[in-house]
Amino acid sequence: MSNKVMLEFLSLYDYLGKAAGPELGKQVADYAKERKAQHRKRYVSNKKYAGEVLLYTKEFLDEYFEMQDTPSTYSLGF
């Protein structure tokens, strides 16, 4: 019996339910690189975009967006 865990990889569009845009996409990609997060690529083609998009685990995306919702002590002036 195998104990392999199948990870589900999601695009930002899949996760957010809407297009993220290039700026947010770059921010997430930079954070993923910093964290050495697992990722995959998928080619998409539609009326608005054709090209590769990065896919991340749901756990990584949860971490990233929870971090964005948490105020930094630096932004509070401490």
PDB file of N, CA and C in Angstrom:
ATOM      1  N   MET A   1       0.849  -1.187   0.000  1.00  0.00           N
ATOM      2  CA  MET A   1       0.000   0.000   0.000  1.00  0.00           C
ATOM      3  C   MET A   1       0.890   1.244   0.000  1.00  0.00           C
ATOM      4  N   SER A   2       0.551   2.191  -0.804  1.00  0.00           N
ATOM      5  CA  SER A   2       1.337   3.412  -0.930  1.00  0.00           C
ATOM      6  C   SER A   2       0.789   4.494  -0.008  1.00  0.00           C
ATOM      7  N   ASN A   3       1.686   5.258   0.587  1.00  0.00           N
ATOM      8  CA  ASN A   3       1.293   6.370   1.443  1.00  0.00           C
ATOM      9  C   ASN A   3       1.447   7.704   0.735  1.00  0.00           C
ATOM     10  N   LYS A   4       1.532   7.687  -0.586  1.00  0.00           N
ATOM     11  CA  LYS A   4       1.687   8.930  -1.341  1.00  0.00           C
ATOM     12  C   LYS A   4       0.434   9.790  -1.182  1.00  0.00           C
ATOM     13  N   VAL A   5       0.674  11.042  -0.944  1.00  0.00           N
ATOM     14  CA  VAL A   5      -0.412  12.006  -0.845  1.00  0.00           C
ATOM     15  C   VAL A   5      -0.504  12.723  -2.182  1.00  0.00           C
ATOM     16  N   MET A   6      -1.673  12.732  -2.750  1.00  0.00           N
ATOM     17  CA  MET A   6      -1.882  13.425  -4.012  1.00  0.00           C
ATOM     18  C   MET A   6      -2.174  14.897  -3.714  1.00  0.00           C
ATOM     19  N   LEU A   7      -1.307  15.766  -4.178  1.00  0.00           N
ATOM     20  CA  LEU A   7      -1.495  17.194  -3.984  1.00  0.00           C
ATOM     21  C   LEU A   7      -2.296  17.767  -5.140  1.00  0.00           C
ATOM     22  N   GLU A   8      -3.213  18.625  -4.805  1.00  0.00           N
ATOM     23  CA  GLU A   8      -3.989  19.311  -5.832  1.00  0.00           C
ATOM     24  C   GLU A   8      -3.332  20.671  -6.070  1.00  0.00           C
ATOM     25  N   PHE A   9      -3.062  20.969  -7.320  1.00  0.00           N
ATOM     26  CA  PHE A   9      -2.458  22.244  -7.684  1.00  0.00           C
ATOM     27  C   PHE A   9      -3.500  23.120  -8.356  1.00  0.00           C
ATOM     28  N   LEU A  10      -3.555  24.376  -7.909  1.00  0.00           N
ATOM     29  CA  LEU A  10      -4.556  25.331  -8.391  1.00  0.00           C
ATOM     30  C   LEU A  10      -3.880  26.565  -8.965  1.00  0.00           C
ATOM     31  N   SER A  11      -4.488  27.112  -9.996  1.00  0.00           N
ATOM     32  CA  SER A  11      -4.045  28.419 -10.485  1.00  0.00           C
ATOM     33  C   SER A  11      -4.651  29.485  -9.574  1.00  0.00           C
ATOM     34  N   LEU A  12      -4.156  30.702  -9.686  1.00  0.00           N
ATOM     35  CA  LEU A  12      -4.772  31.793  -8.923  1.00  0.00           C
ATOM     36  C   LEU A  12      -6.227  31.989  -9.336  1.00  0.00           C
ATOM     37  N   TYR A  13      -6.515  31.789 -10.622  1.00  0.00           N
ATOM     38  CA  TYR A  13      -7.897  31.899 -11.092  1.00  0.00           C
ATOM     39  C   TYR A  13      -8.773  30.847 -10.411  1.00  0.00           C
ATOM     40  N   ASP A  14      -8.289  29.607 -10.352  1.00  0.00           N
ATOM     41  CA  ASP A  14      -9.038  28.543  -9.689  1.00  0.00           C
ATOM     42  C   ASP A  14      -9.286  28.885  -8.221  1.00  0.00           C
ATOM     43  N   TYR A  15      -8.265  29.387  -7.561  1.00  0.00           N
ATOM     44  CA  TYR A  15      -8.332  29.673  -6.132  1.00  0.00           C
ATOM     45  C   TYR A  15      -9.224  30.875  -5.820  1.00  0.00           C
ATOM     46  N   LEU A  16      -9.062  31.956  -6.597  1.00  0.00           N
ATOM     47  CA  LEU A  16      -9.779  33.200  -6.312  1.00  0.00           C
ATOM     48  C   LEU A  16     -11.144  33.276  -6.978  1.00  0.00           C
ATOM     49  N   GLY A  17     -11.338  32.482  -8.028  1.00  0.00           N
ATOM     50  CA  GLY A  17     -12.595  32.539  -8.765  1.00  0.00           C
ATOM     51  C   GLY A  17     -12.660  33.705  -9.737  1.00  0.00           C
ATOM     52  N   LYS A  18     -11.530  34.352  -9.960  1.00  0.00           N
ATOM     53  CA  LYS A  18     -11.450  35.468 -10.916  1.00  0.00           C
ATOM     54  C   LYS A  18      -9.992  35.640 -11.309  1.00  0.00           C
ATOM     55  N   ALA A  19      -9.773  36.379 -12.371  1.00  0.00           N
ATOM     56  CA  ALA A  19      -8.407  36.629 -12.826  1.00  0.00           C
ATOM     57  C   ALA A  19      -7.647  37.430 -11.771  1.00  0.00           C
ATOM     58  N   ALA A  20      -6.413  37.033 -11.506  1.00  0.00           N
ATOM     59  CA  ALA A  20      -5.605  37.698 -10.487  1.00  0.00           C
ATOM     60  C   ALA A  20      -4.860  38.895 -11.050  1.00  0.00           C
ATOM     61  N   GLY A  21      -4.479  38.829 -12.315  1.00  0.00           N
ATOM     62  CA  GLY A  21      -3.708  39.904 -12.931  1.00  0.00           C
ATOM     63  C   GLY A  21      -2.220  39.671 -12.755  1.00  0.00           C
ATOM     64  N   PRO A  22      -1.434  40.328 -13.599  1.00  0.00           N
ATOM     65  CA  PRO A  22       0.014  40.090 -13.598  1.00  0.00           C
ATOM     66  C   PRO A  22       0.730  40.537 -12.323  1.00  0.00           C
ATOM     67  N   GLU A  23       0.287  41.609 -11.694  1.00  0.00           N
ATOM     68  CA  GLU A  23       0.977  42.106 -10.495  1.00  0.00           C
ATOM     69  C   GLU A  23       0.842  41.116  -9.334  1.00  0.00           C
ATOM     70  N   LEU A  24      -0.385  40.673  -9.063  1.00  0.00           N
ATOM     71  CA  LEU A  24      -0.587  39.698  -7.993  1.00  0.00           C
ATOM     72  C   LEU A  24       0.091  38.381  -8.343  1.00  0.00           C
ATOM     73  N   GLY A  25       0.019  37.983  -9.604  1.00  0.00           N
ATOM     74  CA  GLY A  25       0.680  36.762 -10.040  1.00  0.00           C
ATOM     75  C   GLY A  25       2.172  36.802  -9.758  1.00  0.00           C
ATOM     76  N   LYS A  26       2.806  37.933 -10.014  1.00  0.00           N
ATOM     77  CA  LYS A  26       4.242  38.081  -9.759  1.00  0.00           C
ATOM     78  C   LYS A  26       4.531  38.045  -8.264  1.00  0.00           C
ATOM     79  N   GLN A  27       3.694  38.691  -7.466  1.00  0.00           N
ATOM     80  CA  GLN A  27       3.902  38.696  -6.017  1.00  0.00           C
ATOM     81  C   GLN A  27       3.827  37.275  -5.451  1.00  0.00           C
ATOM     82  N   VAL A  28       2.846  36.513  -5.897  1.00  0.00           N
ATOM     83  CA  VAL A  28       2.696  35.140  -5.425  1.00  0.00           C
ATOM     84  C   VAL A  28       3.877  34.293  -5.908  1.00  0.00           C
ATOM     85  N   ALA A  29       4.272  34.460  -7.161  1.00  0.00           N
ATOM     86  CA  ALA A  29       5.413  33.703  -7.699  1.00  0.00           C
ATOM     87  C   ALA A  29       6.695  34.027  -6.938  1.00  0.00           C
ATOM     88  N   ASP A  30       6.911  35.292  -6.618  1.00  0.00           N
ATOM     89  CA  ASP A  30       8.103  35.683  -5.863  1.00  0.00           C
ATOM     90  C   ASP A  30       8.094  35.053  -4.474  1.00  0.00           C
ATOM     91  N   TYR A  31       6.939  35.049  -3.821  1.00  0.00           N
ATOM     92  CA  TYR A  31       6.823  34.445  -2.493  1.00  0.00           C
ATOM     93  C   TYR A  31       7.037  32.933  -2.575  1.00  0.00           C
ATOM     94  N   ALA A  32       6.509  32.306  -3.615  1.00  0.00           N
ATOM     95  CA  ALA A  32       6.686  30.862  -3.801  1.00  0.00           C
ATOM     96  C   ALA A  32       8.162  30.533  -3.985  1.00  0.00           C
ATOM     97  N   LYS A  33       8.860  31.364  -4.727  1.00  0.00           N
ATOM     98  CA  LYS A  33      10.297  31.146  -4.937  1.00  0.00           C
ATOM     99  C   LYS A  33      11.050  31.283  -3.614  1.00  0.00           C
ATOM    100  N   GLU A  34      10.694  32.306  -2.849  1.00  0.00           N
ATOM    101  CA  GLU A  34      11.321  32.539  -1.548  1.00  0.00           C
ATOM    102  C   GLU A  34      11.083  31.355  -0.602  1.00  0.00           C
ATOM    103  N   ARG A  35       9.878  30.806  -0.618  1.00  0.00           N
ATOM    104  CA  ARG A  35       9.506  29.698   0.266  1.00  0.00           C
ATOM    105  C   ARG A  35       9.869  28.334  -0.319  1.00  0.00           C
ATOM    106  N   LYS A  36      10.390  28.345  -1.560  1.00  0.00           N
ATOM    107  CA  LYS A  36      10.698  27.101  -2.263  1.00  0.00           C
ATOM    108  C   LYS A  36       9.481  26.182  -2.313  1.00  0.00           C
ATOM    109  N   ALA A  37       8.336  26.795  -2.606  1.00  0.00           N
ATOM    110  CA  ALA A  37       7.060  26.075  -2.660  1.00  0.00           C
ATOM    111  C   ALA A  37       6.964  25.245  -3.935  1.00  0.00           C
ATOM    112  N   GLN A  38       6.339  24.093  -3.823  1.00  0.00           N
ATOM    113  CA  GLN A  38       6.099  23.266  -5.000  1.00  0.00           C
ATOM    114  C   GLN A  38       5.146  24.005  -5.933  1.00  0.00           C
ATOM    115  N   HIS A  39       5.385  23.869  -7.218  1.00  0.00           N
ATOM    116  CA  HIS A  39       4.474  24.471  -8.183  1.00  0.00           C
ATOM    117  C   HIS A  39       4.513  23.664  -9.471  1.00  0.00           C
ATOM    118  N   ARG A  40       3.551  23.902 -10.294  1.00  0.00           N
ATOM    119  CA  ARG A  40       3.438  23.275 -11.609  1.00  0.00           C
ATOM    120  C   ARG A  40       3.078  24.377 -12.595  1.00  0.00           C
ATOM    121  N   LYS A  41       3.067  24.027 -13.871  1.00  0.00           N
ATOM    122  CA  LYS A  41       2.642  24.966 -14.912  1.00  0.00           C
ATOM    123  C   LYS A  41       1.536  24.318 -15.735  1.00  0.00           C
ATOM    124  N   ARG A  42       0.653  25.173 -16.254  1.00  0.00           N
ATOM    125  CA  ARG A  42      -0.410  24.701 -17.139  1.00  0.00           C
ATOM    126  C   ARG A  42      -0.591  25.744 -18.240  1.00  0.00           C
ATOM    127  N   TYR A  43      -0.777  25.270 -19.440  1.00  0.00           N
ATOM    128  CA  TYR A  43      -1.046  26.173 -20.561  1.00  0.00           C
ATOM    129  C   TYR A  43      -2.549  26.433 -20.619  1.00  0.00           C
ATOM    130  N   VAL A  44      -2.935  27.699 -20.712  1.00  0.00           N
ATOM    131  CA  VAL A  44      -4.347  28.066 -20.868  1.00  0.00           C
ATOM    132  C   VAL A  44      -4.491  28.952 -22.096  1.00  0.00           C
ATOM    133  N   SER A  45      -5.661  28.899 -22.685  1.00  0.00           N
ATOM    134  CA  SER A  45      -5.956  29.743 -23.835  1.00  0.00           C
ATOM    135  C   SER A  45      -7.434  30.110 -23.787  1.00  0.00           C
ATOM    136  N   ASN A  46      -7.685  31.405 -23.716  1.00  0.00           N
ATOM    137  CA  ASN A  46      -9.057  31.905 -23.760  1.00  0.00           C
ATOM    138  C   ASN A  46      -9.049  33.267 -24.449  1.00  0.00           C
ATOM    139  N   LYS A  47     -10.170  33.960 -24.446  1.00  0.00           N
ATOM    140  CA  LYS A  47     -10.258  35.246 -25.137  1.00  0.00           C
ATOM    141  C   LYS A  47      -9.316  36.298 -24.562  1.00  0.00           C
ATOM    142  N   LYS A  48      -9.030  36.211 -23.284  1.00  0.00           N
ATOM    143  CA  LYS A  48      -8.237  37.252 -22.627  1.00  0.00           C
ATOM    144  C   LYS A  48      -6.764  36.907 -22.450  1.00  0.00           C
ATOM    145  N   TYR A  49      -6.418  35.612 -22.471  1.00  0.00           N
ATOM    146  CA  TYR A  49      -5.038  35.231 -22.186  1.00  0.00           C
ATOM    147  C   TYR A  49      -4.705  33.886 -22.820  1.00  0.00           C
ATOM    148  N   ALA A  50      -3.516  33.799 -23.349  1.00  0.00           N
ATOM    149  CA  ALA A  50      -2.988  32.521 -23.843  1.00  0.00           C
ATOM    150  C   ALA A  50      -1.545  32.425 -23.372  1.00  0.00           C
ATOM    151  N   GLY A  51      -1.244  31.368 -22.657  1.00  0.00           N
ATOM    152  CA  GLY A  51       0.112  31.170 -22.158  1.00  0.00           C
ATOM    153  C   GLY A  51       0.102  30.280 -20.934  1.00  0.00           C
ATOM    154  N   GLU A  52       1.271  30.159 -20.327  1.00  0.00           N
ATOM    155  CA  GLU A  52       1.399  29.325 -19.142  1.00  0.00           C
ATOM    156  C   GLU A  52       0.986  30.093 -17.895  1.00  0.00           C
ATOM    157  N   VAL A  53       0.373  29.380 -16.968  1.00  0.00           N
ATOM    158  CA  VAL A  53       0.077  29.914 -15.645  1.00  0.00           C
ATOM    159  C   VAL A  53       0.707  28.976 -14.630  1.00  0.00           C
ATOM    160  N   LEU A  54       1.076  29.531 -13.501  1.00  0.00           N
ATOM    161  CA  LEU A  54       1.650  28.727 -12.433  1.00  0.00           C
ATOM    162  C   LEU A  54       0.538  28.183 -11.549  1.00  0.00           C
ATOM    163  N   LEU A  55       0.755  26.991 -11.051  1.00  0.00           N
ATOM    164  CA  LEU A  55      -0.186  26.319 -10.161  1.00  0.00           C
ATOM    165  C   LEU A  55       0.509  26.079  -8.831  1.00  0.00           C
ATOM    166  N   TYR A  56      -0.210  26.263  -7.750  1.00  0.00           N
ATOM    167  CA  TYR A  56       0.320  26.086  -6.406  1.00  0.00           C
ATOM    168  C   TYR A  56      -0.619  25.191  -5.608  1.00  0.00           C
ATOM    169  N   THR A  57      -0.112  24.641  -4.498  1.00  0.00           N
ATOM    170  CA  THR A  57      -0.991  23.848  -3.642  1.00  0.00           C
ATOM    171  C   THR A  57      -1.959  24.775  -2.915  1.00  0.00           C
ATOM    172  N   LYS A  58      -3.104  24.251  -2.557  1.00  0.00           N
ATOM    173  CA  LYS A  58      -4.099  25.035  -1.823  1.00  0.00           C
ATOM    174  C   LYS A  58      -3.510  25.507  -0.497  1.00  0.00           C
ATOM    175  N   GLU A  59      -2.730  24.645   0.147  1.00  0.00           N
ATOM    176  CA  GLU A  59      -2.123  25.007   1.427  1.00  0.00           C
ATOM    177  C   GLU A  59      -1.195  26.215   1.272  1.00  0.00           C
ATOM    178  N   PHE A  60      -0.415  26.236   0.201  1.00  0.00           N
ATOM    179  CA  PHE A  60       0.466  27.377  -0.035  1.00  0.00           C
ATOM    180  C   PHE A  60      -0.361  28.645  -0.276  1.00  0.00           C
ATOM    181  N   LEU A  61      -1.385  28.557  -1.105  1.00  0.00           N
ATOM    182  CA  LEU A  61      -2.209  29.732  -1.393  1.00  0.00           C
ATOM    183  C   LEU A  61      -2.935  30.212  -0.146  1.00  0.00           C
ATOM    184  N   ASP A  62      -3.428  29.282   0.674  1.00  0.00           N
ATOM    185  CA  ASP A  62      -4.046  29.672   1.950  1.00  0.00           C
ATOM    186  C   ASP A  62      -3.047  30.460   2.792  1.00  0.00           C
ATOM    187  N   GLU A  63      -1.823  29.943   2.896  1.00  0.00           N
ATOM    188  CA  GLU A  63      -0.773  30.609   3.673  1.00  0.00           C
ATOM    189  C   GLU A  63      -0.505  32.009   3.134  1.00  0.00           C
ATOM    190  N   TYR A  64      -0.351  32.125   1.818  1.00  0.00           N
ATOM    191  CA  TYR A  64      -0.046  33.423   1.213  1.00  0.00           C
ATOM    192  C   TYR A  64      -1.155  34.436   1.501  1.00  0.00           C
ATOM    193  N   PHE A  65      -2.398  34.060   1.254  1.00  0.00           N
ATOM    194  CA  PHE A  65      -3.482  35.030   1.408  1.00  0.00           C
ATOM    195  C   PHE A  65      -3.833  35.293   2.867  1.00  0.00           C
ATOM    196  N   GLU A  66      -3.614  34.335   3.755  1.00  0.00           N
ATOM    197  CA  GLU A  66      -3.789  34.607   5.186  1.00  0.00           C
ATOM    198  C   GLU A  66      -2.737  35.597   5.655  1.00  0.00           C
ATOM    199  N   MET A  67      -1.508  35.451   5.154  1.00  0.00           N
ATOM    200  CA  MET A  67      -0.430  36.367   5.499  1.00  0.00           C
ATOM    201  C   MET A  67      -0.777  37.788   5.037  1.00  0.00           C
ATOM    202  N   GLN A  68      -1.421  37.925   3.891  1.00  0.00           N
ATOM    203  CA  GLN A  68      -1.786  39.243   3.367  1.00  0.00           C
ATOM    204  C   GLN A  68      -2.852  39.913   4.221  1.00  0.00           C
ATOM    205  N   ASP A  69      -3.678  39.105   4.892  1.00  0.00           N
ATOM    206  CA  ASP A  69      -4.740  39.645   5.740  1.00  0.00           C
ATOM    207  C   ASP A  69      -4.252  40.022   7.129  1.00  0.00           C
ATOM    208  N   THR A  70      -3.041  39.595   7.499  1.00  0.00           N
ATOM    209  CA  THR A  70      -2.502  39.869   8.822  1.00  0.00           C
ATOM    210  C   THR A  70      -1.683  41.150   8.782  1.00  0.00           C
ATOM    211  N   PRO A  71      -2.076  42.156   9.565  1.00  0.00           N
ATOM    212  CA  PRO A  71      -1.306  43.407   9.565  1.00  0.00           C
ATOM    213  C   PRO A  71       0.108  43.176  10.080  1.00  0.00           C
ATOM    214  N   SER A  72       1.046  43.769   9.427  1.00  0.00           N
ATOM    215  CA  SER A  72       2.441  43.679   9.828  1.00  0.00           C
ATOM    216  C   SER A  72       2.711  44.701  10.920  1.00  0.00           C
ATOM    217  N   THR A  73       3.587  44.363  11.861  1.00  0.00           N
ATOM    218  CA  THR A  73       3.941  45.342  12.891  1.00  0.00           C
ATOM    219  C   THR A  73       4.656  46.529  12.270  1.00  0.00           C
ATOM    220  N   TYR A  74       5.332  46.303  11.146  1.00  0.00           N
ATOM    221  CA  TYR A  74       6.011  47.407  10.469  1.00  0.00           C
ATOM    222  C   TYR A  74       4.998  48.416   9.926  1.00  0.00           C
ATOM    223  N   SER A  75       3.885  47.913   9.400  1.00  0.00           N
ATOM    224  CA  SER A  75       2.902  48.832   8.831  1.00  0.00           C
ATOM    225  C   SER A  75       2.165  49.597   9.927  1.00  0.00           C
ATOM    226  N   LEU A  76       2.244  49.118  11.182  1.00  0.00           N
ATOM    227  CA  LEU A  76       1.583  49.808  12.278  1.00  0.00           C
ATOM    228  C   LEU A  76       2.499  50.844  12.952  1.00  0.00           C
ATOM    229  N   GLY A  77       3.738  50.925  12.485  1.00  0.00           N
ATOM    230  CA  GLY A  77       4.640  51.926  13.016  1.00  0.00           C
ATOM    231  C   GLY A  77       5.364  51.533  14.284  1.00  0.00           C
ATOM    232  N   PHE A  78       5.375  50.270  14.649  1.00  0.00           N
ATOM    233  CA  PHE A  78       6.076  49.820  15.854  1.00  0.00           C
ATOM    234  C   PHE A  78       7.533  49.595  15.582  1.00  0.00           C
TER     235      PHE A  78
END
